């Protein structure tokens, strides 16, 4: 009986959190991050401002929204069938990043706000912990099927991951266009796969 009550309360808290995050995302995307207030998020979610603040301030909410979406992408990959191509190409590796590049390009202003929050370092993001590990594992899996020597797969994955992260942050800040960032990422992947044996 007690465990059922605890589980029910936990489920209710999770549902409330999701409602707050959904309301925050809708307002952030429709009227902008800066213009959105905690009071508006509370009204949209039909909860009190205290309930919103229990989930987090605006910065925390935005980081949670991005992290949740990125997590969903990684989770969906566990249910996809294994690739049938014998040797992975630059395009195969690049496709791992396609959903993320597309998501960040969807709303440049919101992506810029997210990047600024991450760079300030005041709010922790799973993008540097669990999500980084998930992407590195996915990279290693694909690179293991490429022409890259097996001993170089780990280093190759880290090189590509750090390049991706740097380019994503740079593009989100507006310093370069997202298509240019994607092209530079492609060049890096191609270099990693073809180096040092020069074949693909």
N, C-alpha and C. Protein backbone atom coordinates (compact mmCIF):
# COMPACT_ATOMS: atom_id res chain seq x y z
N UNK A 1 0.83 -1.20 0.00
CA UNK A 1 0.00 0.00 0.00
C UNK A 1 0.87 1.26 0.00
N UNK A 2 1.90 1.25 0.89
CA UNK A 2 2.79 2.39 0.98
C UNK A 2 3.56 2.58 -0.33
N UNK A 3 4.07 1.45 -0.89
CA UNK A 3 4.84 1.53 -2.14
C UNK A 3 3.98 2.01 -3.29
N UNK A 4 2.70 1.62 -3.30
CA UNK A 4 1.78 2.08 -4.34
C UNK A 4 1.58 3.59 -4.24
N UNK A 5 1.48 4.09 -3.01
CA UNK A 5 1.30 5.53 -2.79
C UNK A 5 2.53 6.29 -3.27
N UNK A 6 3.72 5.77 -2.93
CA UNK A 6 4.97 6.41 -3.34
C UNK A 6 5.09 6.41 -4.85
N UNK A 7 4.76 5.26 -5.48
CA UNK A 7 4.83 5.16 -6.94
C UNK A 7 3.85 6.12 -7.59
N UNK A 8 2.65 6.20 -7.05
CA UNK A 8 1.64 7.09 -7.60
C UNK A 8 2.09 8.54 -7.50
N UNK A 9 2.69 8.90 -6.37
CA UNK A 9 3.17 10.27 -6.18
C UNK A 9 4.31 10.57 -7.14
N UNK A 10 5.21 9.59 -7.32
CA UNK A 10 6.33 9.75 -8.23
C UNK A 10 5.85 9.92 -9.67
N UNK A 11 4.85 9.15 -10.06
CA UNK A 11 4.28 9.26 -11.40
C UNK A 11 3.62 10.62 -11.60
N UNK A 12 2.96 11.09 -10.56
CA UNK A 12 2.29 12.39 -10.64
C UNK A 12 3.31 13.51 -10.78
N UNK A 13 4.42 13.41 -10.05
CA UNK A 13 5.48 14.41 -10.15
C UNK A 13 6.11 14.40 -11.55
N UNK A 14 6.30 13.21 -12.09
CA UNK A 14 6.88 13.09 -13.44
C UNK A 14 5.93 13.69 -14.47
N UNK A 15 4.64 13.44 -14.31
CA UNK A 15 3.64 13.98 -15.25
C UNK A 15 3.59 15.50 -15.16
N UNK A 16 3.67 16.03 -13.95
CA UNK A 16 3.67 17.48 -13.76
C UNK A 16 4.91 18.10 -14.39
N UNK A 17 6.04 17.46 -14.19
CA UNK A 17 7.29 17.94 -14.78
C UNK A 17 7.18 18.00 -16.29
N UNK A 18 6.64 16.94 -16.90
CA UNK A 18 6.48 16.90 -18.35
C UNK A 18 5.55 18.01 -18.83
N UNK A 19 4.50 18.26 -18.07
CA UNK A 19 3.54 19.31 -18.42
C UNK A 19 4.20 20.69 -18.39
N UNK A 20 5.02 20.91 -17.38
CA UNK A 20 5.75 22.18 -17.26
C UNK A 20 6.74 22.34 -18.40
N UNK A 21 7.49 21.28 -18.71
CA UNK A 21 8.47 21.36 -19.80
C UNK A 21 7.80 21.58 -21.15
N UNK A 22 6.66 20.92 -21.37
CA UNK A 22 5.93 21.09 -22.64
C UNK A 22 5.43 22.53 -22.79
N UNK A 23 4.91 23.07 -21.68
CA UNK A 23 4.42 24.46 -21.71
C UNK A 23 5.56 25.43 -21.95
N UNK A 24 6.69 25.19 -21.28
CA UNK A 24 7.85 26.07 -21.44
C UNK A 24 8.36 26.03 -22.87
N UNK A 25 8.45 24.83 -23.45
CA UNK A 25 8.95 24.72 -24.82
C UNK A 25 8.03 25.44 -25.80
N UNK A 26 6.73 25.27 -25.63
CA UNK A 26 5.79 25.92 -26.54
C UNK A 26 5.96 27.45 -26.48
N UNK A 27 6.04 27.98 -25.28
CA UNK A 27 6.18 29.43 -25.13
C UNK A 27 7.54 29.92 -25.60
N UNK A 28 8.59 29.18 -25.30
CA UNK A 28 9.93 29.57 -25.76
C UNK A 28 9.97 29.65 -27.27
N UNK A 29 9.30 28.71 -27.94
CA UNK A 29 9.36 28.67 -29.40
C UNK A 29 8.41 29.67 -30.06
N UNK A 30 7.28 29.97 -29.40
CA UNK A 30 6.31 30.86 -30.03
C UNK A 30 6.57 32.34 -29.74
N UNK A 31 7.02 32.64 -28.52
CA UNK A 31 7.22 34.06 -28.21
C UNK A 31 8.65 34.41 -27.82
N UNK A 32 9.52 33.42 -27.81
CA UNK A 32 10.92 33.67 -27.52
C UNK A 32 11.27 33.40 -26.07
N UNK A 33 12.53 33.02 -25.85
CA UNK A 33 12.99 32.66 -24.51
C UNK A 33 12.96 33.87 -23.58
N UNK A 34 13.51 34.99 -24.04
CA UNK A 34 13.61 36.18 -23.19
C UNK A 34 12.25 36.71 -22.80
N UNK A 35 11.30 36.70 -23.74
CA UNK A 35 9.98 37.28 -23.48
C UNK A 35 9.11 36.40 -22.58
N UNK A 36 9.45 35.13 -22.47
CA UNK A 36 8.63 34.20 -21.68
C UNK A 36 8.94 34.35 -20.19
N UNK A 37 7.89 34.36 -19.38
CA UNK A 37 8.05 34.46 -17.93
C UNK A 37 7.61 33.17 -17.25
N UNK A 38 8.06 33.00 -16.03
CA UNK A 38 7.68 31.83 -15.22
C UNK A 38 6.16 31.84 -15.01
N UNK A 39 5.61 33.02 -14.81
CA UNK A 39 4.16 33.13 -14.61
C UNK A 39 3.39 32.63 -15.84
N UNK A 40 3.89 32.97 -17.03
CA UNK A 40 3.24 32.51 -18.26
C UNK A 40 3.34 31.00 -18.41
N UNK A 41 4.49 30.44 -18.06
CA UNK A 41 4.68 28.99 -18.14
C UNK A 41 3.70 28.31 -17.18
N UNK A 42 3.57 28.86 -15.98
CA UNK A 42 2.64 28.29 -14.99
C UNK A 42 1.21 28.32 -15.52
N UNK A 43 0.82 29.44 -16.12
CA UNK A 43 -0.54 29.57 -16.64
C UNK A 43 -0.77 28.58 -17.79
N UNK A 44 0.21 28.44 -18.66
CA UNK A 44 0.10 27.52 -19.80
C UNK A 44 0.00 26.07 -19.33
N UNK A 45 0.75 25.74 -18.28
CA UNK A 45 0.75 24.37 -17.75
C UNK A 45 -0.38 24.13 -16.75
N UNK A 46 -1.07 25.22 -16.39
CA UNK A 46 -2.16 25.14 -15.42
C UNK A 46 -1.66 24.65 -14.05
N UNK A 47 -0.51 25.22 -13.64
CA UNK A 47 0.05 24.92 -12.32
C UNK A 47 0.47 26.23 -11.67
N UNK A 48 0.90 26.17 -10.44
CA UNK A 48 1.36 27.38 -9.74
C UNK A 48 2.78 27.73 -10.17
N UNK A 49 3.16 28.99 -9.93
CA UNK A 49 4.54 29.40 -10.25
C UNK A 49 5.53 28.63 -9.37
N UNK A 50 5.11 28.30 -8.15
CA UNK A 50 5.96 27.51 -7.27
C UNK A 50 6.24 26.13 -7.83
N UNK A 51 5.24 25.54 -8.48
CA UNK A 51 5.41 24.23 -9.11
C UNK A 51 6.40 24.32 -10.26
N UNK A 52 6.30 25.39 -11.05
CA UNK A 52 7.26 25.60 -12.14
C UNK A 52 8.67 25.73 -11.58
N UNK A 53 8.82 26.55 -10.53
CA UNK A 53 10.14 26.77 -9.96
C UNK A 53 10.71 25.50 -9.32
N UNK A 54 9.82 24.61 -8.88
CA UNK A 54 10.29 23.33 -8.33
C UNK A 54 10.93 22.48 -9.42
N UNK A 55 10.45 22.66 -10.66
CA UNK A 55 11.06 21.97 -11.81
C UNK A 55 12.35 22.70 -12.18
N UNK A 56 12.31 24.03 -12.13
CA UNK A 56 13.51 24.82 -12.41
C UNK A 56 13.20 26.19 -12.96
N UNK A 57 14.20 27.07 -12.91
CA UNK A 57 14.08 28.37 -13.54
C UNK A 57 14.14 28.22 -15.05
N UNK A 58 14.07 29.33 -15.76
CA UNK A 58 14.02 29.27 -17.22
C UNK A 58 15.24 28.57 -17.83
N UNK A 59 16.42 28.87 -17.32
CA UNK A 59 17.63 28.24 -17.86
C UNK A 59 17.58 26.73 -17.67
N UNK A 60 17.21 26.29 -16.47
CA UNK A 60 17.12 24.86 -16.18
C UNK A 60 16.08 24.19 -17.06
N UNK A 61 14.95 24.87 -17.26
CA UNK A 61 13.89 24.31 -18.10
C UNK A 61 14.39 24.12 -19.53
N UNK A 62 15.10 25.10 -20.05
CA UNK A 62 15.58 25.00 -21.43
C UNK A 62 16.60 23.87 -21.58
N UNK A 63 17.52 23.75 -20.64
CA UNK A 63 18.50 22.66 -20.69
C UNK A 63 17.77 21.31 -20.62
N UNK A 64 16.78 21.21 -19.75
CA UNK A 64 16.01 19.96 -19.61
C UNK A 64 15.27 19.60 -20.89
N UNK A 65 14.74 20.61 -21.58
CA UNK A 65 14.02 20.39 -22.84
C UNK A 65 14.97 19.81 -23.89
N UNK A 66 16.13 20.42 -24.05
CA UNK A 66 17.10 19.95 -25.03
C UNK A 66 17.62 18.56 -24.66
N UNK A 67 17.96 18.38 -23.38
CA UNK A 67 18.49 17.09 -22.94
C UNK A 67 17.48 15.96 -23.14
N UNK A 68 16.21 16.25 -22.86
CA UNK A 68 15.17 15.22 -23.01
C UNK A 68 15.01 14.82 -24.47
N UNK A 69 15.07 15.80 -25.37
CA UNK A 69 14.92 15.49 -26.78
C UNK A 69 16.12 14.66 -27.28
N UNK A 70 17.33 15.06 -26.87
CA UNK A 70 18.53 14.34 -27.29
C UNK A 70 18.50 12.90 -26.74
N UNK A 71 18.06 12.76 -25.50
CA UNK A 71 17.93 11.43 -24.90
C UNK A 71 16.97 10.56 -25.70
N UNK A 72 15.85 11.14 -26.13
CA UNK A 72 14.85 10.40 -26.90
C UNK A 72 15.44 9.89 -28.21
N UNK A 73 16.29 10.70 -28.84
CA UNK A 73 16.93 10.27 -30.09
C UNK A 73 17.82 9.05 -29.83
N UNK A 74 18.64 9.12 -28.80
CA UNK A 74 19.53 8.00 -28.47
C UNK A 74 18.72 6.75 -28.14
N UNK A 75 17.67 6.91 -27.36
CA UNK A 75 16.84 5.76 -26.98
C UNK A 75 16.18 5.11 -28.19
N UNK A 76 15.77 5.92 -29.16
CA UNK A 76 15.11 5.38 -30.35
C UNK A 76 16.07 4.54 -31.19
N UNK A 77 17.35 4.82 -31.07
CA UNK A 77 18.34 4.09 -31.87
C UNK A 77 18.52 2.67 -31.39
N UNK A 78 18.15 2.39 -30.15
CA UNK A 78 18.28 1.03 -29.63
C UNK A 78 17.24 0.10 -30.23
N UNK A 79 16.19 0.68 -30.80
CA UNK A 79 15.13 -0.15 -31.37
C UNK A 79 15.23 -0.28 -32.89
N UNK A 80 16.16 0.48 -33.48
CA UNK A 80 16.32 0.44 -34.94
C UNK A 80 17.12 -0.81 -35.35
N UNK A 81 16.83 -1.36 -36.54
CA UNK A 81 17.58 -2.55 -37.00
C UNK A 81 19.03 -2.21 -37.28
N UNK A 82 19.90 -3.18 -37.12
CA UNK A 82 21.32 -2.98 -37.38
C UNK A 82 21.54 -2.72 -38.86
N UNK A 83 22.53 -1.87 -39.20
CA UNK A 83 22.80 -1.58 -40.61
C UNK A 83 23.28 -2.82 -41.35
N UNK A 84 22.98 -2.88 -42.63
CA UNK A 84 23.35 -4.06 -43.41
C UNK A 84 24.60 -3.84 -44.25
N UNK A 85 25.02 -2.57 -44.40
CA UNK A 85 26.22 -2.31 -45.22
C UNK A 85 27.45 -2.85 -44.51
N UNK A 86 28.35 -3.43 -45.29
CA UNK A 86 29.54 -4.06 -44.71
C UNK A 86 30.52 -3.02 -44.17
N UNK A 87 30.78 -1.99 -44.94
CA UNK A 87 31.76 -0.99 -44.54
C UNK A 87 31.09 0.37 -44.38
N UNK A 88 31.26 0.95 -43.20
CA UNK A 88 30.65 2.25 -42.92
C UNK A 88 31.40 3.35 -43.68
N UNK A 89 30.65 4.33 -44.16
CA UNK A 89 31.23 5.45 -44.90
C UNK A 89 31.10 6.73 -44.08
N UNK A 90 31.66 7.80 -44.62
CA UNK A 90 31.52 9.11 -43.98
C UNK A 90 30.05 9.46 -43.79
N UNK A 91 29.23 9.14 -44.79
CA UNK A 91 27.79 9.44 -44.71
C UNK A 91 27.13 8.67 -43.57
N UNK A 92 27.53 7.43 -43.36
CA UNK A 92 26.97 6.63 -42.26
C UNK A 92 27.25 7.30 -40.91
N UNK A 93 28.46 7.79 -40.74
CA UNK A 93 28.83 8.47 -39.49
C UNK A 93 28.08 9.79 -39.38
N UNK A 94 28.02 10.53 -40.47
CA UNK A 94 27.35 11.83 -40.46
C UNK A 94 25.88 11.70 -40.10
N UNK A 95 25.26 10.61 -40.51
CA UNK A 95 23.83 10.42 -40.22
C UNK A 95 23.55 10.28 -38.73
N UNK A 96 24.54 9.93 -37.94
CA UNK A 96 24.36 9.90 -36.48
C UNK A 96 24.06 11.30 -35.95
N UNK A 97 24.60 12.31 -36.63
CA UNK A 97 24.46 13.69 -36.16
C UNK A 97 23.29 14.44 -36.79
N UNK A 98 22.73 13.88 -37.85
CA UNK A 98 21.69 14.59 -38.61
C UNK A 98 20.52 15.07 -37.75
N UNK A 99 19.98 14.23 -36.85
CA UNK A 99 18.84 14.71 -36.03
C UNK A 99 19.22 15.90 -35.16
N UNK A 100 20.44 15.88 -34.60
CA UNK A 100 20.86 16.95 -33.70
C UNK A 100 21.08 18.26 -34.44
N UNK A 101 21.74 18.16 -35.59
CA UNK A 101 21.98 19.36 -36.41
C UNK A 101 20.64 19.96 -36.83
N UNK A 102 19.71 19.09 -37.24
CA UNK A 102 18.38 19.56 -37.65
C UNK A 102 17.62 20.21 -36.51
N UNK A 103 17.73 19.64 -35.32
CA UNK A 103 17.02 20.18 -34.15
C UNK A 103 17.56 21.56 -33.78
N UNK A 104 18.87 21.71 -33.80
CA UNK A 104 19.47 23.00 -33.45
C UNK A 104 19.16 24.05 -34.52
N UNK A 105 19.05 23.61 -35.78
CA UNK A 105 18.76 24.54 -36.87
C UNK A 105 17.28 24.96 -36.88
N UNK A 106 16.45 24.16 -36.23
CA UNK A 106 15.00 24.42 -36.20
C UNK A 106 14.67 25.79 -35.62
N UNK A 107 15.36 26.16 -34.56
CA UNK A 107 15.10 27.43 -33.87
C UNK A 107 16.44 28.01 -33.43
N UNK A 108 17.13 28.74 -34.33
CA UNK A 108 18.47 29.25 -34.02
C UNK A 108 18.53 30.10 -32.75
N UNK A 109 17.49 30.90 -32.52
CA UNK A 109 17.49 31.77 -31.33
C UNK A 109 17.48 30.93 -30.05
N UNK A 110 16.63 29.92 -30.02
CA UNK A 110 16.55 29.07 -28.83
C UNK A 110 17.83 28.25 -28.66
N UNK A 111 18.39 27.79 -29.76
CA UNK A 111 19.66 27.05 -29.70
C UNK A 111 20.77 27.94 -29.17
N UNK A 112 20.75 29.22 -29.56
CA UNK A 112 21.73 30.18 -29.08
C UNK A 112 21.61 30.37 -27.57
N UNK A 113 20.37 30.45 -27.07
CA UNK A 113 20.14 30.59 -25.63
C UNK A 113 20.65 29.35 -24.89
N UNK A 114 20.36 28.19 -25.44
CA UNK A 114 20.81 26.93 -24.82
C UNK A 114 22.33 26.90 -24.75
N UNK A 115 22.98 27.24 -25.86
CA UNK A 115 24.44 27.24 -25.91
C UNK A 115 25.02 28.21 -24.89
N UNK A 116 24.42 29.39 -24.78
CA UNK A 116 24.91 30.40 -23.82
C UNK A 116 24.81 29.88 -22.39
N UNK A 117 23.73 29.19 -22.08
CA UNK A 117 23.54 28.62 -20.74
C UNK A 117 24.61 27.58 -20.46
N UNK A 118 24.86 26.72 -21.44
CA UNK A 118 25.86 25.66 -21.29
C UNK A 118 27.25 26.26 -21.08
N UNK A 119 27.59 27.27 -21.90
CA UNK A 119 28.91 27.89 -21.83
C UNK A 119 29.13 28.58 -20.49
N UNK A 120 28.07 29.21 -19.94
CA UNK A 120 28.21 29.87 -18.64
C UNK A 120 28.54 28.88 -17.53
N UNK A 121 28.14 27.64 -17.70
CA UNK A 121 28.50 26.60 -16.75
C UNK A 121 27.72 26.60 -15.45
N UNK A 122 26.63 27.35 -15.39
CA UNK A 122 25.84 27.41 -14.16
C UNK A 122 24.81 26.29 -14.05
N UNK A 123 24.54 25.64 -15.18
CA UNK A 123 23.53 24.58 -15.20
C UNK A 123 24.11 23.34 -15.85
N UNK A 124 24.01 22.23 -15.17
CA UNK A 124 24.55 20.98 -15.67
C UNK A 124 23.68 20.41 -16.77
N UNK A 125 24.32 19.89 -17.79
CA UNK A 125 23.60 19.26 -18.88
C UNK A 125 24.12 17.84 -19.08
N UNK A 126 23.20 16.92 -19.35
CA UNK A 126 23.58 15.53 -19.61
C UNK A 126 24.35 15.41 -20.92
N UNK A 127 24.37 16.48 -21.71
CA UNK A 127 25.08 16.44 -23.00
C UNK A 127 26.57 16.19 -22.79
N UNK A 128 27.09 16.51 -21.60
CA UNK A 128 28.50 16.29 -21.32
C UNK A 128 28.75 15.02 -20.51
N UNK A 129 27.68 14.31 -20.15
CA UNK A 129 27.83 13.11 -19.32
C UNK A 129 27.23 11.90 -20.03
N UNK A 130 26.03 11.53 -19.64
CA UNK A 130 25.38 10.33 -20.19
C UNK A 130 25.18 10.42 -21.69
N UNK A 131 24.77 11.60 -22.16
CA UNK A 131 24.51 11.75 -23.59
C UNK A 131 25.81 11.72 -24.40
N UNK A 132 26.88 12.24 -23.82
CA UNK A 132 28.18 12.17 -24.48
C UNK A 132 28.62 10.72 -24.61
N UNK A 133 28.44 9.96 -23.54
CA UNK A 133 28.81 8.54 -23.56
C UNK A 133 27.99 7.76 -24.59
N UNK A 134 26.69 8.09 -24.66
CA UNK A 134 25.81 7.41 -25.63
C UNK A 134 26.27 7.68 -27.06
N UNK A 135 26.59 8.94 -27.35
CA UNK A 135 27.01 9.29 -28.71
C UNK A 135 28.37 8.69 -29.03
N UNK A 136 29.28 8.70 -28.07
CA UNK A 136 30.60 8.10 -28.29
C UNK A 136 30.48 6.60 -28.57
N UNK A 137 29.59 5.94 -27.85
CA UNK A 137 29.36 4.51 -28.07
C UNK A 137 28.81 4.26 -29.47
N UNK A 138 27.85 5.10 -29.88
CA UNK A 138 27.28 4.97 -31.23
C UNK A 138 28.34 5.22 -32.30
N UNK A 139 29.18 6.22 -32.06
CA UNK A 139 30.27 6.52 -33.00
C UNK A 139 31.23 5.34 -33.13
N UNK A 140 31.61 4.79 -31.99
CA UNK A 140 32.55 3.66 -32.01
C UNK A 140 31.96 2.46 -32.76
N UNK A 141 30.66 2.25 -32.58
CA UNK A 141 29.99 1.13 -33.26
C UNK A 141 30.06 1.29 -34.78
N UNK A 142 29.80 2.51 -35.25
CA UNK A 142 29.84 2.76 -36.70
C UNK A 142 31.28 2.76 -37.21
N UNK A 143 32.18 3.42 -36.47
CA UNK A 143 33.57 3.48 -36.91
C UNK A 143 34.23 2.10 -36.94
N UNK A 144 33.76 1.19 -36.11
CA UNK A 144 34.30 -0.17 -36.10
C UNK A 144 34.03 -0.88 -37.43
N UNK A 145 33.03 -0.38 -38.17
CA UNK A 145 32.70 -0.95 -39.48
C UNK A 145 33.35 -0.18 -40.63
N UNK A 146 34.14 0.84 -40.28
CA UNK A 146 34.78 1.66 -41.32
C UNK A 146 36.18 1.13 -41.63
N UNK A 147 36.89 1.85 -42.50
CA UNK A 147 38.25 1.44 -42.86
C UNK A 147 39.26 1.85 -41.80
N UNK A 148 38.81 2.55 -40.77
CA UNK A 148 39.72 2.97 -39.70
C UNK A 148 40.24 1.75 -38.95
N UNK A 149 41.54 1.67 -38.72
CA UNK A 149 42.09 0.52 -37.97
C UNK A 149 41.43 0.40 -36.60
N UNK A 150 41.21 -0.82 -36.16
CA UNK A 150 40.50 -1.08 -34.90
C UNK A 150 41.14 -0.35 -33.72
N UNK A 151 42.46 -0.25 -33.71
CA UNK A 151 43.16 0.41 -32.60
C UNK A 151 42.89 1.91 -32.55
N UNK A 152 42.39 2.48 -33.65
CA UNK A 152 42.16 3.92 -33.73
C UNK A 152 40.69 4.30 -33.55
N UNK A 153 39.82 3.33 -33.40
CA UNK A 153 38.38 3.61 -33.33
C UNK A 153 38.02 4.52 -32.16
N UNK A 154 38.56 4.25 -30.99
CA UNK A 154 38.25 5.07 -29.81
C UNK A 154 38.69 6.51 -29.98
N UNK A 155 39.92 6.70 -30.45
CA UNK A 155 40.43 8.06 -30.66
C UNK A 155 39.68 8.76 -31.78
N UNK A 156 39.33 8.00 -32.79
CA UNK A 156 38.56 8.58 -33.89
C UNK A 156 37.21 9.08 -33.42
N UNK A 157 36.54 8.28 -32.57
CA UNK A 157 35.23 8.67 -32.04
C UNK A 157 35.33 9.95 -31.21
N UNK A 158 36.34 10.04 -30.37
CA UNK A 158 36.53 11.23 -29.54
C UNK A 158 36.81 12.46 -30.40
N UNK A 159 37.65 12.29 -31.42
CA UNK A 159 37.97 13.41 -32.33
C UNK A 159 36.71 13.93 -33.01
N UNK A 160 35.91 13.03 -33.54
CA UNK A 160 34.68 13.43 -34.23
C UNK A 160 33.69 14.05 -33.25
N UNK A 161 33.55 13.46 -32.07
CA UNK A 161 32.62 13.98 -31.07
C UNK A 161 32.98 15.40 -30.66
N UNK A 162 34.25 15.64 -30.36
CA UNK A 162 34.67 16.98 -29.92
C UNK A 162 34.54 18.00 -31.04
N UNK A 163 34.80 17.57 -32.27
CA UNK A 163 34.61 18.45 -33.42
C UNK A 163 33.14 18.83 -33.55
N UNK A 164 32.27 17.81 -33.45
CA UNK A 164 30.82 18.04 -33.52
C UNK A 164 30.37 19.02 -32.45
N UNK A 165 30.81 18.80 -31.22
CA UNK A 165 30.40 19.66 -30.11
C UNK A 165 30.85 21.10 -30.35
N UNK A 166 32.11 21.25 -30.77
CA UNK A 166 32.64 22.60 -31.03
C UNK A 166 31.90 23.29 -32.17
N UNK A 167 31.64 22.56 -33.25
CA UNK A 167 30.94 23.15 -34.38
C UNK A 167 29.50 23.50 -34.04
N UNK A 168 28.85 22.63 -33.24
CA UNK A 168 27.47 22.88 -32.85
C UNK A 168 27.37 24.15 -32.00
N UNK A 169 28.29 24.29 -31.07
CA UNK A 169 28.31 25.48 -30.21
C UNK A 169 28.63 26.73 -31.04
N UNK A 170 29.56 26.60 -31.96
CA UNK A 170 29.94 27.74 -32.79
C UNK A 170 28.78 28.16 -33.69
N UNK A 171 28.11 27.18 -34.31
CA UNK A 171 26.98 27.49 -35.19
C UNK A 171 25.81 28.06 -34.39
N UNK A 172 25.57 27.51 -33.21
CA UNK A 172 24.47 28.01 -32.38
C UNK A 172 24.69 29.45 -31.94
N UNK A 173 25.95 29.83 -31.80
CA UNK A 173 26.26 31.21 -31.40
C UNK A 173 26.10 32.18 -32.57
N UNK A 174 25.95 31.63 -33.77
CA UNK A 174 25.77 32.47 -34.95
C UNK A 174 27.06 32.81 -35.66
N UNK A 175 28.19 32.27 -35.18
CA UNK A 175 29.49 32.59 -35.78
C UNK A 175 29.64 31.99 -37.17
N UNK A 176 29.05 30.80 -37.39
CA UNK A 176 29.03 30.21 -38.72
C UNK A 176 27.62 29.66 -38.96
N UNK A 177 27.28 29.48 -40.23
CA UNK A 177 25.96 28.95 -40.57
C UNK A 177 25.94 27.45 -40.31
N UNK A 178 24.77 26.93 -39.95
CA UNK A 178 24.63 25.51 -39.64
C UNK A 178 25.04 24.62 -40.83
N UNK A 179 24.67 24.97 -42.09
CA UNK A 179 25.12 24.14 -43.21
C UNK A 179 26.65 24.09 -43.33
N UNK A 180 27.31 25.22 -43.03
CA UNK A 180 28.78 25.24 -43.07
C UNK A 180 29.36 24.35 -41.97
N UNK A 181 28.73 24.38 -40.80
CA UNK A 181 29.17 23.53 -39.69
C UNK A 181 29.03 22.06 -40.07
N UNK A 182 27.92 21.73 -40.71
CA UNK A 182 27.68 20.35 -41.14
C UNK A 182 28.73 19.92 -42.16
N UNK A 183 29.09 20.83 -43.06
CA UNK A 183 30.10 20.52 -44.07
C UNK A 183 31.47 20.30 -43.44
N UNK A 184 31.80 21.13 -42.45
CA UNK A 184 33.08 20.98 -41.75
C UNK A 184 33.12 19.67 -40.95
N UNK A 185 31.98 19.29 -40.40
CA UNK A 185 31.90 18.02 -39.69
C UNK A 185 32.13 16.86 -40.65
N UNK A 186 31.52 16.96 -41.83
CA UNK A 186 31.71 15.93 -42.86
C UNK A 186 33.20 15.81 -43.21
N UNK A 187 33.88 16.93 -43.37
CA UNK A 187 35.30 16.91 -43.72
C UNK A 187 36.13 16.25 -42.61
N UNK A 188 35.78 16.53 -41.36
CA UNK A 188 36.50 15.93 -40.24
C UNK A 188 36.29 14.42 -40.21
N UNK A 189 35.04 14.00 -40.38
CA UNK A 189 34.74 12.56 -40.38
C UNK A 189 35.51 11.87 -41.51
N UNK A 190 35.50 12.49 -42.70
CA UNK A 190 36.21 11.92 -43.84
C UNK A 190 37.70 11.79 -43.55
N UNK A 191 38.26 12.81 -42.92
CA UNK A 191 39.69 12.79 -42.57
C UNK A 191 39.98 11.66 -41.58
N UNK A 192 39.14 11.54 -40.55
CA UNK A 192 39.35 10.50 -39.52
C UNK A 192 39.27 9.11 -40.13
N UNK A 193 38.26 8.90 -40.96
CA UNK A 193 38.06 7.56 -41.55
C UNK A 193 39.17 7.19 -42.53
N UNK A 194 39.63 8.15 -43.32
CA UNK A 194 40.62 7.84 -44.34
C UNK A 194 42.06 7.94 -43.83
N UNK A 195 42.25 8.47 -42.65
CA UNK A 195 43.60 8.62 -42.09
C UNK A 195 43.85 7.51 -41.07
N UNK A 196 44.97 6.85 -41.02
CA UNK A 196 46.19 7.17 -41.76
C UNK A 196 46.41 6.29 -43.01
N UNK A 197 45.49 5.36 -43.27
CA UNK A 197 45.77 4.44 -44.38
C UNK A 197 45.26 4.92 -45.73
N UNK A 198 44.58 6.07 -45.75
CA UNK A 198 44.19 6.70 -47.00
C UNK A 198 43.16 5.97 -47.82
N UNK A 199 42.42 5.03 -47.21
CA UNK A 199 41.39 4.32 -47.95
C UNK A 199 40.07 4.41 -47.21
N UNK A 200 38.98 4.21 -47.95
CA UNK A 200 37.65 4.22 -47.33
C UNK A 200 36.81 3.11 -47.88
